[in-house]
Amino acid sequence: MPSLAIVPAAGRAERFGGGKLTADLDGEPLLNRTLRSLVDGGVDRVVVVIAPGAALASVTMLGDRRVRTVVNPDPSRGMFSSIQCGVAAEDGDPILVLPGDMPFVKAATIAAVLAAARETRTIVSPRLGGRHGHPVAFPARLKQKILDADVAATTLSTLISAHGAGRVEVEVTDTGVRRDVDVRGDLAT
C-alpha cells in the first residue's frame, strides 16, 4: 500500500494575521515547502485538508499529481477534525501527519520516519533533544480508531497515548521537527 501524509491546513491563522499558508518563505509559499518536504521525503500520496473557501492559488504544489485537497466543512472543531477528514479521504500505510505550518522539516527526516514506520508497523515520531516532533506516522491498522475518535475529546497526543504502546522514536538533528509558524517572526530562516 502506498504511504500517505495528512497535512492539516484548515486553521484560521489568527495569531499570524491570516494568509499564513501562502506567506513568502524564501521565495515560495510556506505550504509549498511543507508539501515539497513530504514528496521529496518519499511520501506517495498527500492529502491537504483545507478550510472552505481557502485561497491557495499560489501554492503550486497543490497541482502535483501526488497531492490532493479535501475540505474540512467545520475546521472550528480543531486540528484533529482535519486529521479525520484527511484519513477518511484516502488509504495509505503508513499514515504520516504533518501540520501545514511546519515548512522547516527536512525531506531526510520524512524519509527516516517513513522507513522506521514501514519496518516497525507501529507509531513513529522524530525526537530532538529529548522532545517529540513531527511528522508522526501511524500504521494503517489505526485508521478506524482515528475515524471513530471523539473529535471533541481527542488530540494527536491523546491518540498516541491511547495507542502508542511500542512507539518508536527516531533521533534526529533536524530542528524543523519542533518548529511551526504561528506569527510572522517565525518565518525567519
C-alpha atoms as a PDB file:
ATOM      1  CA  MET A   1       0.000   0.000   0.000  1.00  0.00           C
ATOM      2  CA  PRO A   2       1.344   3.481  -0.776  1.00  0.00           C
ATOM      3  CA  SER A   3       2.356   5.796   2.039  1.00  0.00           C
ATOM      4  CA  LEU A   4       0.045   8.687   2.862  1.00  0.00           C
ATOM      5  CA  ALA A   5       0.567  12.039   4.531  1.00  0.00           C
ATOM      6  CA  ILE A   6      -2.222  14.116   6.033  1.00  0.00           C
ATOM      7  CA  VAL A   7      -1.493  17.848   6.135  1.00  0.00           C
ATOM      8  CA  PRO A   8      -3.935  19.726   8.382  1.00  0.00           C
ATOM      9  CA  ALA A   9      -4.118  23.219   6.856  1.00  0.00           C
ATOM     10  CA  ALA A  10      -7.570  24.497   7.808  1.00  0.00           C
ATOM     11  CA  GLY A  11      -6.703  26.789  10.721  1.00  0.00           C
ATOM     12  CA  ARG A  12      -7.602  30.470  10.698  1.00  0.00           C
ATOM     13  CA  ALA A  13      -4.046  31.666  11.418  1.00  0.00           C
ATOM     14  CA  GLU A  14      -5.327  34.435  13.674  1.00  0.00           C
ATOM     15  CA  ARG A  15      -2.022  34.989  15.504  1.00  0.00           C
ATOM     16  CA  PHE A  16      -0.287  35.235  12.131  1.00  0.00           C
ATOM     17  CA  GLY A  17      -2.830  37.755  10.851  1.00  0.00           C
ATOM     18  CA  GLY A  18      -4.208  35.492   8.089  1.00  0.00           C
ATOM     19  CA  GLY A  19      -2.610  34.248   4.883  1.00  0.00           C
ATOM     20  CA  LYS A  20      -0.080  32.089   6.705  1.00  0.00           C
ATOM     21  CA  LEU A  21      -0.014  29.177   4.254  1.00  0.00           C
ATOM     22  CA  THR A  22       0.695  31.463   1.298  1.00  0.00           C
ATOM     23  CA  ALA A  23       3.200  33.666   3.147  1.00  0.00           C
ATOM     24  CA  ASP A  24       6.523  34.032   1.352  1.00  0.00           C
ATOM     25  CA  LEU A  25       9.254  31.803   2.719  1.00  0.00           C
ATOM     26  CA  ASP A  26      12.484  32.125   0.780  1.00  0.00           C
ATOM     27  CA  GLY A  27      10.630  32.910  -2.448  1.00  0.00           C
ATOM     28  CA  GLU A  28       7.796  30.394  -2.266  1.00  0.00           C
ATOM     29  CA  PRO A  29       4.571  29.906  -0.319  1.00  0.00           C
ATOM     30  CA  LEU A  30       5.062  28.349   3.116  1.00  0.00           C
ATOM     31  CA  LEU A  31       2.724  25.436   2.319  1.00  0.00           C
ATOM     32  CA  ASN A  32       4.774  24.607  -0.805  1.00  0.00           C
ATOM     33  CA  ARG A  33       7.803  23.980   1.417  1.00  0.00           C
ATOM     34  CA  THR A  34       5.862  21.633   3.687  1.00  0.00           C
ATOM     35  CA  LEU A  35       4.472  19.672   0.731  1.00  0.00           C
ATOM     36  CA  ARG A  36       7.824  19.518  -1.063  1.00  0.00           C
ATOM     37  CA  SER A  37       9.470  18.026   2.044  1.00  0.00           C
ATOM     38  CA  LEU A  38       6.864  15.276   2.126  1.00  0.00           C
ATOM     39  CA  VAL A  39       7.113  14.447  -1.576  1.00  0.00           C
ATOM     40  CA  ASP A  40      10.926  14.673  -1.627  1.00  0.00           C
ATOM     41  CA  GLY A  41      10.998  12.515   1.516  1.00  0.00           C
ATOM     42  CA  GLY A  42       9.244   9.693  -0.330  1.00  0.00           C
ATOM     43  CA  VAL A  43       5.577  10.017   0.620  1.00  0.00           C
ATOM     44  CA  ASP A  44       3.456   8.550  -2.187  1.00  0.00           C
ATOM     45  CA  ARG A  45       0.196  10.478  -1.607  1.00  0.00           C
ATOM     46  CA  VAL A  46      -0.532  13.710   0.272  1.00  0.00           C
ATOM     47  CA  VAL A  47      -3.962  14.904   1.401  1.00  0.00           C
ATOM     48  CA  VAL A  48      -4.060  18.586   2.339  1.00  0.00           C
ATOM     49  CA  VAL A  49      -7.082  19.408   4.480  1.00  0.00           C
ATOM     50  CA  ILE A  50      -8.194  22.998   3.939  1.00  0.00           C
ATOM     51  CA  ALA A  51     -10.937  25.311   5.165  1.00  0.00           C
ATOM     52  CA  PRO A  52     -13.944  26.137   2.980  1.00  0.00           C
ATOM     53  CA  GLY A  53     -13.043  28.935   0.566  1.00  0.00           C
ATOM     54  CA  ALA A  54      -9.288  28.726   1.245  1.00  0.00           C
ATOM     55  CA  ALA A  55      -7.355  30.952  -1.188  1.00  0.00           C
ATOM     56  CA  LEU A  56      -4.324  28.853  -2.090  1.00  0.00           C
ATOM     57  CA  ALA A  57      -3.868  29.526  -5.827  1.00  0.00           C
ATOM     58  CA  SER A  58      -0.207  30.467  -5.323  1.00  0.00           C
ATOM     59  CA  VAL A  59       0.596  27.069  -3.761  1.00  0.00           C
ATOM     60  CA  THR A  60       1.804  25.324  -6.913  1.00  0.00           C
ATOM     61  CA  MET A  61       2.494  22.010  -5.158  1.00  0.00           C
ATOM     62  CA  LEU A  62      -1.286  21.576  -4.880  1.00  0.00           C
ATOM     63  CA  GLY A  63      -1.153  20.829  -8.612  1.00  0.00           C
ATOM     64  CA  ASP A  64       1.259  17.921  -8.146  1.00  0.00           C
ATOM     65  CA  ARG A  65      -0.346  14.595  -9.132  1.00  0.00           C
ATOM     66  CA  ARG A  66       0.586  13.139  -5.714  1.00  0.00           C
ATOM     67  CA  VAL A  67      -1.235  15.895  -3.812  1.00  0.00           C
ATOM     68  CA  ARG A  68      -4.963  16.394  -3.367  1.00  0.00           C
ATOM     69  CA  THR A  69      -7.063  18.718  -1.257  1.00  0.00           C
ATOM     70  CA  VAL A  70     -10.034  17.875   0.926  1.00  0.00           C
ATOM     71  CA  VAL A  71     -12.238  20.473   2.612  1.00  0.00           C
ATOM     72  CA  ASN A  72     -12.933  20.265   6.341  1.00  0.00           C
ATOM     73  CA  PRO A  73     -16.505  21.590   6.485  1.00  0.00           C
ATOM     74  CA  ASP A  74     -16.089  22.786  10.079  1.00  0.00           C
ATOM     75  CA  PRO A  75     -12.447  23.469  10.976  1.00  0.00           C
ATOM     76  CA  SER A  76     -13.536  25.252  14.165  1.00  0.00           C
ATOM     77  CA  ARG A  77     -13.704  21.735  15.673  1.00  0.00           C
ATOM     78  CA  GLY A  78      -9.896  21.742  15.801  1.00  0.00           C
ATOM     79  CA  MET A  79      -6.919  20.155  14.097  1.00  0.00           C
ATOM     80  CA  PHE A  80      -7.970  16.597  14.936  1.00  0.00           C
ATOM     81  CA  SER A  81     -11.131  17.091  12.848  1.00  0.00           C
ATOM     82  CA  SER A  82      -8.894  17.914   9.884  1.00  0.00           C
ATOM     83  CA  ILE A  83      -6.838  14.781  10.518  1.00  0.00           C
ATOM     84  CA  GLN A  84     -10.058  12.754  10.475  1.00  0.00           C
ATOM     85  CA  CYS A  85     -11.161  14.380   7.187  1.00  0.00           C
ATOM     86  CA  GLY A  86      -7.819  13.524   5.597  1.00  0.00           C
ATOM     87  CA  VAL A  87      -7.734   9.952   6.873  1.00  0.00           C
ATOM     88  CA  ALA A  88     -11.302   9.396   5.620  1.00  0.00           C
ATOM     89  CA  ALA A  89     -10.348  10.606   2.144  1.00  0.00           C
ATOM     90  CA  GLU A  90      -7.669   8.071   1.269  1.00  0.00           C
ATOM     91  CA  ASP A  91      -5.958   4.846   2.287  1.00  0.00           C
ATOM     92  CA  GLY A  92      -2.261   4.544   2.972  1.00  0.00           C
ATOM     93  CA  ASP A  93       0.262   2.746   5.114  1.00  0.00           C
ATOM     94  CA  PRO A  94       1.889   4.291   6.985  1.00  0.00           C
ATOM     95  CA  ILE A  95      -0.155   7.453   7.543  1.00  0.00           C
ATOM     96  CA  LEU A  96       2.004  10.467   8.396  1.00  0.00           C
ATOM     97  CA  VAL A  97       0.623  13.636   9.952  1.00  0.00           C
ATOM     98  CA  LEU A  98       2.484  16.895   9.354  1.00  0.00           C
ATOM     99  CA  PRO A  99       0.743  20.222  10.009  1.00  0.00           C
ATOM    100  CA  GLY A 100       0.830  22.597   7.046  1.00  0.00           C
ATOM    101  CA  ASP A 101       2.600  25.274   9.091  1.00  0.00           C
ATOM    102  CA  MET A 102       5.751  23.176   9.607  1.00  0.00           C
ATOM    103  CA  PRO A 103       7.799  24.046   6.497  1.00  0.00           C
ATOM    104  CA  PHE A 104      11.207  23.506   8.096  1.00  0.00           C
ATOM    105  CA  VAL A 105      11.063  19.695   8.392  1.00  0.00           C
ATOM    106  CA  LYS A 106      13.721  18.213   6.126  1.00  0.00           C
ATOM    107  CA  ALA A 107      12.968  15.597   3.477  1.00  0.00           C
ATOM    108  CA  ALA A 108      15.607  13.333   5.053  1.00  0.00           C
ATOM    109  CA  THR A 109      13.640  13.367   8.309  1.00  0.00           C
ATOM    110  CA  ILE A 110      10.453  12.418   6.456  1.00  0.00           C
ATOM    111  CA  ALA A 111      12.343   9.547   4.802  1.00  0.00           C
ATOM    112  CA  ALA A 112      13.711   8.337   8.165  1.00  0.00           C
ATOM    113  CA  VAL A 113      10.280   8.370   9.828  1.00  0.00           C
ATOM    114  CA  LEU A 114       8.751   6.586   6.821  1.00  0.00           C
ATOM    115  CA  ALA A 115      11.442   3.896   6.844  1.00  0.00           C
ATOM    116  CA  ALA A 116      11.039   3.275  10.584  1.00  0.00           C
ATOM    117  CA  ALA A 117       7.243   3.130  10.268  1.00  0.00           C
ATOM    118  CA  ARG A 118       7.426   0.614   7.421  1.00  0.00           C
ATOM    119  CA  GLU A 119       9.871  -1.529   9.359  1.00  0.00           C
ATOM    120  CA  THR A 120       8.198  -1.466  12.782  1.00  0.00           C
ATOM    121  CA  ARG A 121       4.492  -1.192  11.797  1.00  0.00           C
ATOM    122  CA  THR A 122       3.856   0.969  14.862  1.00  0.00           C
ATOM    123  CA  ILE A 123       3.582   4.675  15.725  1.00  0.00           C
ATOM    124  CA  VAL A 124       6.812   6.503  14.892  1.00  0.00           C
ATOM    125  CA  SER A 125       7.875  10.060  15.623  1.00  0.00           C
ATOM    126  CA  PRO A 126      11.106  12.026  15.418  1.00  0.00           C
ATOM    127  CA  ARG A 127      12.809  13.063  18.636  1.00  0.00           C
ATOM    128  CA  LEU A 128      15.049  16.067  19.075  1.00  0.00           C
ATOM    129  CA  GLY A 129      16.734  16.959  22.351  1.00  0.00           C
ATOM    130  CA  GLY A 130      14.504  14.617  24.328  1.00  0.00           C
ATOM    131  CA  ARG A 131      11.256  16.009  22.867  1.00  0.00           C
ATOM    132  CA  HIS A 132       8.903  14.561  20.258  1.00  0.00           C
ATOM    133  CA  GLY A 133       8.220  16.337  16.993  1.00  0.00           C
ATOM    134  CA  HIS A 134       6.537  15.973  13.604  1.00  0.00           C
ATOM    135  CA  PRO A 135       5.742  14.179  11.422  1.00  0.00           C
ATOM    136  CA  VAL A 136       4.092  11.384  13.363  1.00  0.00           C
ATOM    137  CA  ALA A 137       3.486   8.133  11.467  1.00  0.00           C
ATOM    138  CA  PHE A 138       0.623   5.777  12.236  1.00  0.00           C
ATOM    139  CA  PRO A 139       0.149   2.252  10.918  1.00  0.00           C
ATOM    140  CA  ALA A 140      -2.942   1.776   8.719  1.00  0.00           C
ATOM    141  CA  ARG A 141      -4.411  -0.560  11.344  1.00  0.00           C
ATOM    142  CA  LEU A 142      -5.197   2.573  13.419  1.00  0.00           C
ATOM    143  CA  LYS A 143      -7.208   4.256  10.650  1.00  0.00           C
ATOM    144  CA  GLN A 144     -10.578   3.225  12.076  1.00  0.00           C
ATOM    145  CA  LYS A 145      -9.516   4.264  15.601  1.00  0.00           C
ATOM    146  CA  ILE A 146      -8.681   7.721  14.223  1.00  0.00           C
ATOM    147  CA  LEU A 147     -12.015   7.964  12.418  1.00  0.00           C
ATOM    148  CA  ASP A 148     -14.010   6.738  15.436  1.00  0.00           C
ATOM    149  CA  ALA A 149     -12.316   9.016  17.986  1.00  0.00           C
ATOM    150  CA  ASP A 150     -14.439  11.712  19.620  1.00  0.00           C
ATOM    151  CA  VAL A 151     -13.222  14.894  17.934  1.00  0.00           C
ATOM    152  CA  ALA A 152     -14.145  16.991  20.974  1.00  0.00           C
ATOM    153  CA  ALA A 153     -12.015  14.900  23.320  1.00  0.00           C
ATOM    154  CA  THR A 154      -9.147  13.728  21.101  1.00  0.00           C
ATOM    155  CA  THR A 155      -5.882  15.321  20.084  1.00  0.00           C
ATOM    156  CA  LEU A 156      -2.910  13.809  18.331  1.00  0.00           C
ATOM    157  CA  SER A 157      -1.240  13.446  21.746  1.00  0.00           C
ATOM    158  CA  THR A 158      -4.180  11.609  23.324  1.00  0.00           C
ATOM    159  CA  LEU A 159      -4.405   9.303  20.308  1.00  0.00           C
ATOM    160  CA  ILE A 160      -0.717   8.470  20.646  1.00  0.00           C
ATOM    161  CA  SER A 161      -1.113   7.894  24.390  1.00  0.00           C
ATOM    162  CA  ALA A 162      -4.032   5.523  23.821  1.00  0.00           C
ATOM    163  CA  HIS A 163      -2.441   3.510  21.016  1.00  0.00           C
ATOM    164  CA  GLY A 164       1.274   4.218  21.280  1.00  0.00           C
ATOM    165  CA  ALA A 165       2.494   1.142  23.131  1.00  0.00           C
ATOM    166  CA  GLY A 166       5.715   0.256  21.381  1.00  0.00           C
ATOM    167  CA  ARG A 167       6.061   3.726  19.870  1.00  0.00           C
ATOM    168  CA  VAL A 168       9.353   4.123  18.050  1.00  0.00           C
ATOM    169  CA  GLU A 169      11.344   7.339  18.280  1.00  0.00           C
ATOM    170  CA  VAL A 170      13.777   8.307  15.536  1.00  0.00           C
ATOM    171  CA  GLU A 171      16.562  10.503  16.922  1.00  0.00           C
ATOM    172  CA  VAL A 172      17.160  13.454  14.587  1.00  0.00           C
ATOM    173  CA  THR A 173      19.185  16.664  14.450  1.00  0.00           C
ATOM    174  CA  ASP A 174      16.516  18.409  12.335  1.00  0.00           C
ATOM    175  CA  THR A 175      15.239  21.395  14.352  1.00  0.00           C
ATOM    176  CA  GLY A 176      12.329  21.653  11.893  1.00  0.00           C
ATOM    177  CA  VAL A 177      10.533  18.788  13.657  1.00  0.00           C
ATOM    178  CA  ARG A 178       9.684  21.156  16.525  1.00  0.00           C
ATOM    179  CA  ARG A 179       9.370  24.395  14.566  1.00  0.00           C
ATOM    180  CA  ASP A 180       5.983  25.593  13.400  1.00  0.00           C
ATOM    181  CA  VAL A 181       4.942  29.027  12.189  1.00  0.00           C
ATOM    182  CA  ASP A 182       2.499  30.845  14.453  1.00  0.00           C
ATOM    183  CA  VAL A 183       3.447  34.505  13.940  1.00  0.00           C
ATOM    184  CA  ARG A 184       5.257  36.344  11.121  1.00  0.00           C
ATOM    185  CA  GLY A 185       8.513  36.394  13.076  1.00  0.00           C
ATOM    186  CA  ASP A 186       8.589  32.591  12.925  1.00  0.00           C
ATOM    187  CA  LEU A 187       9.338  32.807   9.174  1.00  0.00           C
ATOM    188  CA  ALA A 188      12.904  33.970   9.786  1.00  0.00           C
ATOM    189  CA  THR A 189      15.259  31.325   8.378  1.00  0.00           C
END
